[in-house]
């Protein structure tokens, strides 16, 4: 599973549901898999960068972190039970949502929408490479 940073940025910015839920949001968050660490930066609800080479020294407000297996289950077009949402996957499957909990809950609808958009990006890339 590979997350294309440019496609993710474009897909998040093109998604009207994400844009309305993320309006006025200024944040940096990390998406962490076994093989990738992406740093997503939003200014006033617009994704301005998705850095595909985030390091442990980069600052972030929160992170969404899991193993490749957890991410693959979360990003299925029709996820298995308890993989339909980051929070539920955290409760039942060890996925991690870490950082500023006030920010996470204030913008959780936008954060939750990223799961569906990530799924589309990943599966579009898989279809093209197949």
N, C-alpha and C. Protein backbone atom coordinates (compact mmCIF):
# COMPACT_ATOMS: atom_id res chain seq x y z
N UNK A 1 0.84 -1.17 0.00
CA UNK A 1 0.00 0.00 0.00
C UNK A 1 0.89 1.24 0.00
N UNK A 2 0.69 2.09 -0.98
CA UNK A 2 1.46 3.32 -1.12
C UNK A 2 0.49 4.50 -1.19
N UNK A 3 0.74 5.52 -0.40
CA UNK A 3 -0.08 6.72 -0.43
C UNK A 3 0.67 7.78 -1.22
N UNK A 4 0.12 8.20 -2.34
CA UNK A 4 0.74 9.23 -3.16
C UNK A 4 0.41 10.59 -2.55
N UNK A 5 1.45 11.33 -2.14
CA UNK A 5 1.25 12.58 -1.42
C UNK A 5 0.56 13.65 -2.27
N UNK A 6 0.92 13.76 -3.54
CA UNK A 6 0.30 14.77 -4.40
C UNK A 6 -1.17 14.45 -4.66
N UNK A 7 -1.46 13.18 -4.90
CA UNK A 7 -2.86 12.79 -5.11
C UNK A 7 -3.68 12.99 -3.85
N UNK A 8 -3.09 12.73 -2.70
CA UNK A 8 -3.81 12.94 -1.44
C UNK A 8 -4.13 14.42 -1.26
N UNK A 9 -3.14 15.29 -1.47
CA UNK A 9 -3.38 16.73 -1.35
C UNK A 9 -4.50 17.18 -2.28
N UNK A 10 -4.42 16.76 -3.54
CA UNK A 10 -5.43 17.16 -4.53
C UNK A 10 -6.81 16.61 -4.18
N UNK A 11 -6.86 15.36 -3.72
CA UNK A 11 -8.15 14.74 -3.39
C UNK A 11 -8.80 15.40 -2.18
N UNK A 12 -8.00 15.73 -1.16
CA UNK A 12 -8.55 16.40 0.02
C UNK A 12 -9.08 17.78 -0.36
N UNK A 13 -8.33 18.52 -1.16
CA UNK A 13 -8.76 19.86 -1.55
C UNK A 13 -9.97 19.84 -2.48
N UNK A 14 -10.14 18.76 -3.22
CA UNK A 14 -11.26 18.66 -4.17
C UNK A 14 -12.54 18.13 -3.53
N UNK A 15 -12.44 17.63 -2.30
CA UNK A 15 -13.59 17.01 -1.65
C UNK A 15 -14.41 18.06 -0.90
N UNK A 16 -15.64 18.35 -1.36
CA UNK A 16 -16.42 19.40 -0.71
C UNK A 16 -16.78 19.09 0.75
N UNK A 17 -17.00 17.82 1.07
CA UNK A 17 -17.33 17.46 2.45
C UNK A 17 -16.14 17.74 3.38
N UNK A 18 -14.95 17.32 2.95
CA UNK A 18 -13.76 17.60 3.75
C UNK A 18 -13.54 19.10 3.90
N UNK A 19 -13.67 19.84 2.80
CA UNK A 19 -13.39 21.28 2.83
C UNK A 19 -14.32 22.03 3.79
N UNK A 20 -15.59 21.66 3.82
CA UNK A 20 -16.50 22.37 4.73
C UNK A 20 -16.24 21.98 6.19
N UNK A 21 -15.88 20.73 6.43
CA UNK A 21 -15.60 20.30 7.80
C UNK A 21 -14.25 20.82 8.31
N UNK A 22 -13.34 21.14 7.38
CA UNK A 22 -12.00 21.60 7.76
C UNK A 22 -11.85 23.12 7.67
N UNK A 23 -12.92 23.82 7.32
CA UNK A 23 -12.80 25.27 7.15
C UNK A 23 -12.25 25.92 8.43
N UNK A 24 -11.43 26.92 8.23
CA UNK A 24 -10.77 27.69 9.30
C UNK A 24 -9.71 26.91 10.07
N UNK A 25 -9.41 25.68 9.66
CA UNK A 25 -8.50 24.82 10.41
C UNK A 25 -7.06 25.07 10.00
N UNK A 26 -6.21 25.36 10.96
CA UNK A 26 -4.77 25.49 10.76
C UNK A 26 -4.12 24.40 11.58
N UNK A 27 -3.48 23.44 10.91
CA UNK A 27 -2.92 22.30 11.63
C UNK A 27 -1.84 21.62 10.79
N UNK A 28 -1.07 20.79 11.45
CA UNK A 28 -0.19 19.83 10.80
C UNK A 28 -0.45 18.50 11.47
N UNK A 29 -0.67 17.47 10.65
CA UNK A 29 -0.84 16.14 11.23
C UNK A 29 -0.06 15.12 10.43
N UNK A 30 0.28 14.04 11.11
CA UNK A 30 1.10 13.00 10.49
C UNK A 30 0.26 11.75 10.26
N UNK A 31 0.48 11.16 9.11
CA UNK A 31 -0.10 9.86 8.77
C UNK A 31 1.09 8.90 8.75
N UNK A 32 1.05 7.91 9.63
CA UNK A 32 2.19 7.02 9.80
C UNK A 32 1.80 5.57 9.53
N UNK A 33 2.52 4.95 8.59
CA UNK A 33 2.36 3.52 8.30
C UNK A 33 3.72 2.87 8.57
N UNK A 34 3.84 1.57 8.33
CA UNK A 34 5.13 0.91 8.50
C UNK A 34 6.17 1.47 7.53
N UNK A 35 5.73 1.89 6.34
CA UNK A 35 6.67 2.31 5.29
C UNK A 35 6.65 3.80 4.97
N UNK A 36 5.68 4.54 5.49
CA UNK A 36 5.56 5.94 5.13
C UNK A 36 5.22 6.80 6.34
N UNK A 37 5.72 8.02 6.29
CA UNK A 37 5.34 9.05 7.25
C UNK A 37 5.04 10.31 6.45
N UNK A 38 3.77 10.66 6.37
CA UNK A 38 3.35 11.84 5.63
C UNK A 38 3.00 12.94 6.61
N UNK A 39 3.40 14.16 6.31
CA UNK A 39 3.04 15.31 7.13
C UNK A 39 2.11 16.20 6.31
N UNK A 40 0.87 16.31 6.78
CA UNK A 40 -0.16 17.06 6.07
C UNK A 40 -0.33 18.41 6.76
N UNK A 41 -0.21 19.49 5.98
CA UNK A 41 -0.33 20.84 6.54
C UNK A 41 -1.54 21.53 5.93
N UNK A 42 -2.42 22.05 6.81
CA UNK A 42 -3.59 22.80 6.39
C UNK A 42 -3.48 24.24 6.88
N UNK A 43 -3.87 25.16 6.02
CA UNK A 43 -4.01 26.56 6.38
C UNK A 43 -5.40 27.00 5.96
N UNK A 44 -6.18 27.46 6.96
CA UNK A 44 -7.57 27.87 6.73
C UNK A 44 -8.37 26.80 5.99
N UNK A 45 -8.11 25.54 6.34
CA UNK A 45 -8.87 24.43 5.78
C UNK A 45 -8.40 23.92 4.43
N UNK A 46 -7.38 24.53 3.86
CA UNK A 46 -6.84 24.07 2.58
C UNK A 46 -5.55 23.31 2.82
N UNK A 47 -5.42 22.15 2.20
CA UNK A 47 -4.19 21.38 2.31
C UNK A 47 -3.15 22.06 1.43
N UNK A 48 -2.12 22.61 2.06
CA UNK A 48 -1.10 23.32 1.29
C UNK A 48 0.08 22.42 0.95
N UNK A 49 0.38 21.45 1.81
CA UNK A 49 1.45 20.50 1.50
C UNK A 49 1.13 19.15 2.12
N UNK A 50 1.63 18.12 1.45
CA UNK A 50 1.69 16.78 2.03
C UNK A 50 3.13 16.33 1.80
N UNK A 51 3.92 16.39 2.86
CA UNK A 51 5.34 16.04 2.78
C UNK A 51 5.49 14.53 2.91
N UNK A 52 5.97 13.86 1.85
CA UNK A 52 6.10 12.40 1.91
C UNK A 52 7.31 11.92 2.70
N UNK A 53 8.13 12.84 3.17
CA UNK A 53 9.36 12.46 3.87
C UNK A 53 9.42 13.07 5.26
N UNK A 54 8.33 12.98 5.99
CA UNK A 54 8.29 13.51 7.36
C UNK A 54 9.30 12.75 8.22
N UNK A 55 9.88 13.47 9.16
CA UNK A 55 10.87 12.87 10.06
C UNK A 55 10.36 12.93 11.49
N UNK A 56 11.02 12.23 12.40
CA UNK A 56 10.63 12.31 13.81
C UNK A 56 10.81 13.71 14.40
N UNK A 57 11.56 14.57 13.72
CA UNK A 57 11.82 15.91 14.23
C UNK A 57 10.77 16.93 13.77
N UNK A 58 9.89 16.55 12.85
CA UNK A 58 8.83 17.44 12.40
C UNK A 58 7.76 17.53 13.48
N UNK A 59 7.23 18.73 13.67
CA UNK A 59 6.17 18.90 14.67
C UNK A 59 4.81 18.62 14.03
N UNK A 60 3.88 18.14 14.85
CA UNK A 60 2.53 17.87 14.40
C UNK A 60 1.59 18.04 15.58
N UNK A 61 0.32 18.34 15.26
CA UNK A 61 -0.69 18.48 16.30
C UNK A 61 -1.27 17.14 16.71
N UNK A 62 -1.37 16.23 15.75
CA UNK A 62 -1.84 14.88 16.04
C UNK A 62 -1.34 13.95 14.95
N UNK A 63 -1.43 12.67 15.24
CA UNK A 63 -1.06 11.70 14.21
C UNK A 63 -2.05 10.55 14.17
N UNK A 64 -2.17 9.99 12.98
CA UNK A 64 -2.93 8.78 12.72
C UNK A 64 -1.89 7.72 12.38
N UNK A 65 -1.76 6.71 13.24
CA UNK A 65 -0.66 5.77 13.09
C UNK A 65 -1.13 4.34 13.22
N UNK A 66 -0.60 3.51 12.35
CA UNK A 66 -0.93 2.09 12.42
C UNK A 66 0.02 1.28 11.56
N UNK A 67 -0.08 -0.01 11.71
CA UNK A 67 0.71 -0.91 10.88
C UNK A 67 0.13 -0.91 9.45
N UNK A 68 0.90 -1.46 8.53
CA UNK A 68 0.38 -1.58 7.16
C UNK A 68 -0.90 -2.41 7.14
N UNK A 69 -0.95 -3.46 7.97
CA UNK A 69 -2.14 -4.32 8.01
C UNK A 69 -3.36 -3.54 8.51
N UNK A 70 -3.16 -2.72 9.53
CA UNK A 70 -4.27 -1.91 10.05
C UNK A 70 -4.74 -0.91 9.00
N UNK A 71 -3.80 -0.25 8.32
CA UNK A 71 -4.17 0.70 7.27
C UNK A 71 -4.89 0.01 6.12
N UNK A 72 -4.40 -1.16 5.71
CA UNK A 72 -5.06 -1.88 4.62
C UNK A 72 -6.49 -2.24 4.99
N UNK A 73 -6.72 -2.65 6.23
CA UNK A 73 -8.08 -2.96 6.67
C UNK A 73 -8.95 -1.70 6.73
N UNK A 74 -8.40 -0.61 7.23
CA UNK A 74 -9.14 0.65 7.32
C UNK A 74 -9.51 1.20 5.94
N UNK A 75 -8.65 1.01 4.96
CA UNK A 75 -8.84 1.64 3.66
C UNK A 75 -9.53 0.75 2.63
N UNK A 76 -10.05 -0.38 3.06
CA UNK A 76 -10.82 -1.21 2.14
C UNK A 76 -12.07 -0.45 1.68
N UNK A 77 -12.51 -0.67 0.44
CA UNK A 77 -13.74 0.00 -0.02
C UNK A 77 -14.93 -0.28 0.89
N UNK A 78 -15.02 -1.51 1.40
CA UNK A 78 -16.03 -1.86 2.40
C UNK A 78 -15.26 -2.46 3.58
N UNK A 79 -14.91 -1.63 4.57
CA UNK A 79 -14.09 -2.12 5.68
C UNK A 79 -14.81 -3.17 6.54
N UNK A 80 -14.01 -4.05 7.11
CA UNK A 80 -14.52 -5.05 8.04
C UNK A 80 -15.05 -4.36 9.30
N UNK A 81 -15.85 -5.06 10.10
CA UNK A 81 -16.35 -4.45 11.34
C UNK A 81 -15.21 -3.89 12.19
N UNK A 82 -15.48 -2.73 12.76
CA UNK A 82 -14.56 -2.01 13.63
C UNK A 82 -13.33 -1.46 12.90
N UNK A 83 -13.38 -1.43 11.57
CA UNK A 83 -12.37 -0.75 10.77
C UNK A 83 -13.00 0.35 9.93
N UNK A 84 -14.25 0.73 10.23
CA UNK A 84 -14.93 1.76 9.44
C UNK A 84 -14.54 3.16 9.87
N UNK A 85 -13.81 3.29 10.98
CA UNK A 85 -13.51 4.59 11.54
C UNK A 85 -12.21 4.49 12.35
N UNK A 86 -11.43 5.57 12.35
CA UNK A 86 -10.17 5.55 13.09
C UNK A 86 -10.38 5.28 14.58
N UNK A 87 -11.36 5.94 15.18
CA UNK A 87 -11.56 5.81 16.62
C UNK A 87 -11.93 4.37 17.00
N UNK A 88 -12.82 3.78 16.25
CA UNK A 88 -13.23 2.39 16.53
C UNK A 88 -12.06 1.44 16.32
N UNK A 89 -11.26 1.70 15.28
CA UNK A 89 -10.07 0.87 15.04
C UNK A 89 -9.07 1.02 16.19
N UNK A 90 -9.02 2.21 16.78
CA UNK A 90 -8.16 2.43 17.95
C UNK A 90 -8.66 1.60 19.13
N UNK A 91 -9.98 1.61 19.37
CA UNK A 91 -10.53 0.89 20.50
C UNK A 91 -10.39 -0.62 20.39
N UNK A 92 -10.56 -1.15 19.17
CA UNK A 92 -10.64 -2.60 19.00
C UNK A 92 -9.43 -3.24 18.32
N UNK A 93 -8.60 -2.45 17.63
CA UNK A 93 -7.54 -3.06 16.83
C UNK A 93 -6.15 -2.46 17.02
N UNK A 94 -5.97 -1.57 17.99
CA UNK A 94 -4.64 -1.06 18.28
C UNK A 94 -4.15 0.08 17.39
N UNK A 95 -5.00 0.57 16.50
CA UNK A 95 -4.65 1.75 15.70
C UNK A 95 -4.44 2.91 16.67
N UNK A 96 -3.61 3.89 16.30
CA UNK A 96 -3.31 4.97 17.23
C UNK A 96 -3.75 6.34 16.68
N UNK A 97 -4.45 7.08 17.51
CA UNK A 97 -4.76 8.49 17.28
C UNK A 97 -4.11 9.21 18.45
N UNK A 98 -3.05 9.99 18.16
CA UNK A 98 -2.27 10.58 19.24
C UNK A 98 -2.11 12.07 19.01
N UNK A 99 -2.02 12.80 20.10
CA UNK A 99 -1.76 14.23 20.00
C UNK A 99 -2.76 15.06 20.77
N UNK A 100 -3.01 16.25 20.26
CA UNK A 100 -3.90 17.22 20.90
C UNK A 100 -5.35 16.77 20.76
N UNK A 101 -5.89 16.20 21.83
CA UNK A 101 -7.24 15.63 21.77
C UNK A 101 -8.31 16.70 21.56
N UNK A 102 -8.09 17.91 22.02
CA UNK A 102 -9.08 18.97 21.77
C UNK A 102 -9.19 19.25 20.27
N UNK A 103 -8.06 19.31 19.60
CA UNK A 103 -8.07 19.51 18.15
C UNK A 103 -8.69 18.33 17.45
N UNK A 104 -8.33 17.14 17.87
CA UNK A 104 -8.86 15.92 17.24
C UNK A 104 -10.38 15.91 17.31
N UNK A 105 -10.95 16.17 18.48
CA UNK A 105 -12.41 16.09 18.60
C UNK A 105 -13.10 17.28 17.96
N UNK A 106 -12.47 18.44 17.97
CA UNK A 106 -13.09 19.60 17.33
C UNK A 106 -13.22 19.40 15.82
N UNK A 107 -12.26 18.71 15.24
CA UNK A 107 -12.26 18.52 13.79
C UNK A 107 -12.41 17.05 13.39
N UNK A 108 -12.95 16.24 14.27
CA UNK A 108 -13.06 14.81 13.95
C UNK A 108 -13.87 14.52 12.69
N UNK A 109 -14.93 15.26 12.38
CA UNK A 109 -15.61 14.97 11.11
C UNK A 109 -14.67 15.10 9.90
N UNK A 110 -13.80 16.10 9.89
CA UNK A 110 -12.83 16.24 8.80
C UNK A 110 -11.80 15.12 8.85
N UNK A 111 -11.33 14.80 10.06
CA UNK A 111 -10.35 13.72 10.21
C UNK A 111 -10.95 12.40 9.74
N UNK A 112 -12.17 12.11 10.14
CA UNK A 112 -12.84 10.88 9.71
C UNK A 112 -13.01 10.81 8.20
N UNK A 113 -13.27 11.94 7.58
CA UNK A 113 -13.43 11.98 6.12
C UNK A 113 -12.12 11.61 5.42
N UNK A 114 -10.98 11.87 6.06
CA UNK A 114 -9.71 11.51 5.43
C UNK A 114 -9.61 10.01 5.17
N UNK A 115 -10.27 9.19 6.00
CA UNK A 115 -10.22 7.74 5.78
C UNK A 115 -10.81 7.39 4.43
N UNK A 116 -11.95 7.96 4.09
CA UNK A 116 -12.60 7.66 2.81
C UNK A 116 -11.78 8.19 1.65
N UNK A 117 -11.20 9.36 1.81
CA UNK A 117 -10.40 9.94 0.73
C UNK A 117 -9.10 9.16 0.55
N UNK A 118 -8.46 8.78 1.65
CA UNK A 118 -7.26 7.94 1.55
C UNK A 118 -7.58 6.63 0.84
N UNK A 119 -8.72 6.03 1.16
CA UNK A 119 -9.13 4.79 0.51
C UNK A 119 -9.24 4.97 -1.00
N UNK A 120 -9.86 6.06 -1.42
CA UNK A 120 -9.99 6.33 -2.85
C UNK A 120 -8.62 6.51 -3.50
N UNK A 121 -7.74 7.26 -2.86
CA UNK A 121 -6.40 7.49 -3.42
C UNK A 121 -5.62 6.19 -3.55
N UNK A 122 -5.62 5.38 -2.49
CA UNK A 122 -4.87 4.13 -2.50
C UNK A 122 -5.42 3.17 -3.54
N UNK A 123 -6.73 3.03 -3.61
CA UNK A 123 -7.32 2.07 -4.55
C UNK A 123 -7.26 2.53 -5.99
N UNK A 124 -7.25 3.84 -6.22
CA UNK A 124 -7.05 4.35 -7.58
C UNK A 124 -5.64 4.00 -8.04
N UNK A 125 -4.64 4.17 -7.17
CA UNK A 125 -3.26 3.84 -7.51
C UNK A 125 -3.09 2.34 -7.75
N UNK A 126 -3.74 1.51 -6.95
CA UNK A 126 -3.65 0.06 -7.13
C UNK A 126 -4.25 -0.35 -8.48
N UNK A 127 -5.37 0.26 -8.85
CA UNK A 127 -6.02 -0.07 -10.11
C UNK A 127 -5.15 0.33 -11.29
N UNK A 128 -4.48 1.45 -11.18
CA UNK A 128 -3.62 1.93 -12.27
C UNK A 128 -2.39 1.05 -12.41
N UNK A 129 -1.81 0.61 -11.29
CA UNK A 129 -0.60 -0.20 -11.34
C UNK A 129 -0.86 -1.66 -11.65
N UNK A 130 -2.12 -2.09 -11.58
CA UNK A 130 -2.45 -3.50 -11.84
C UNK A 130 -2.46 -3.84 -13.31
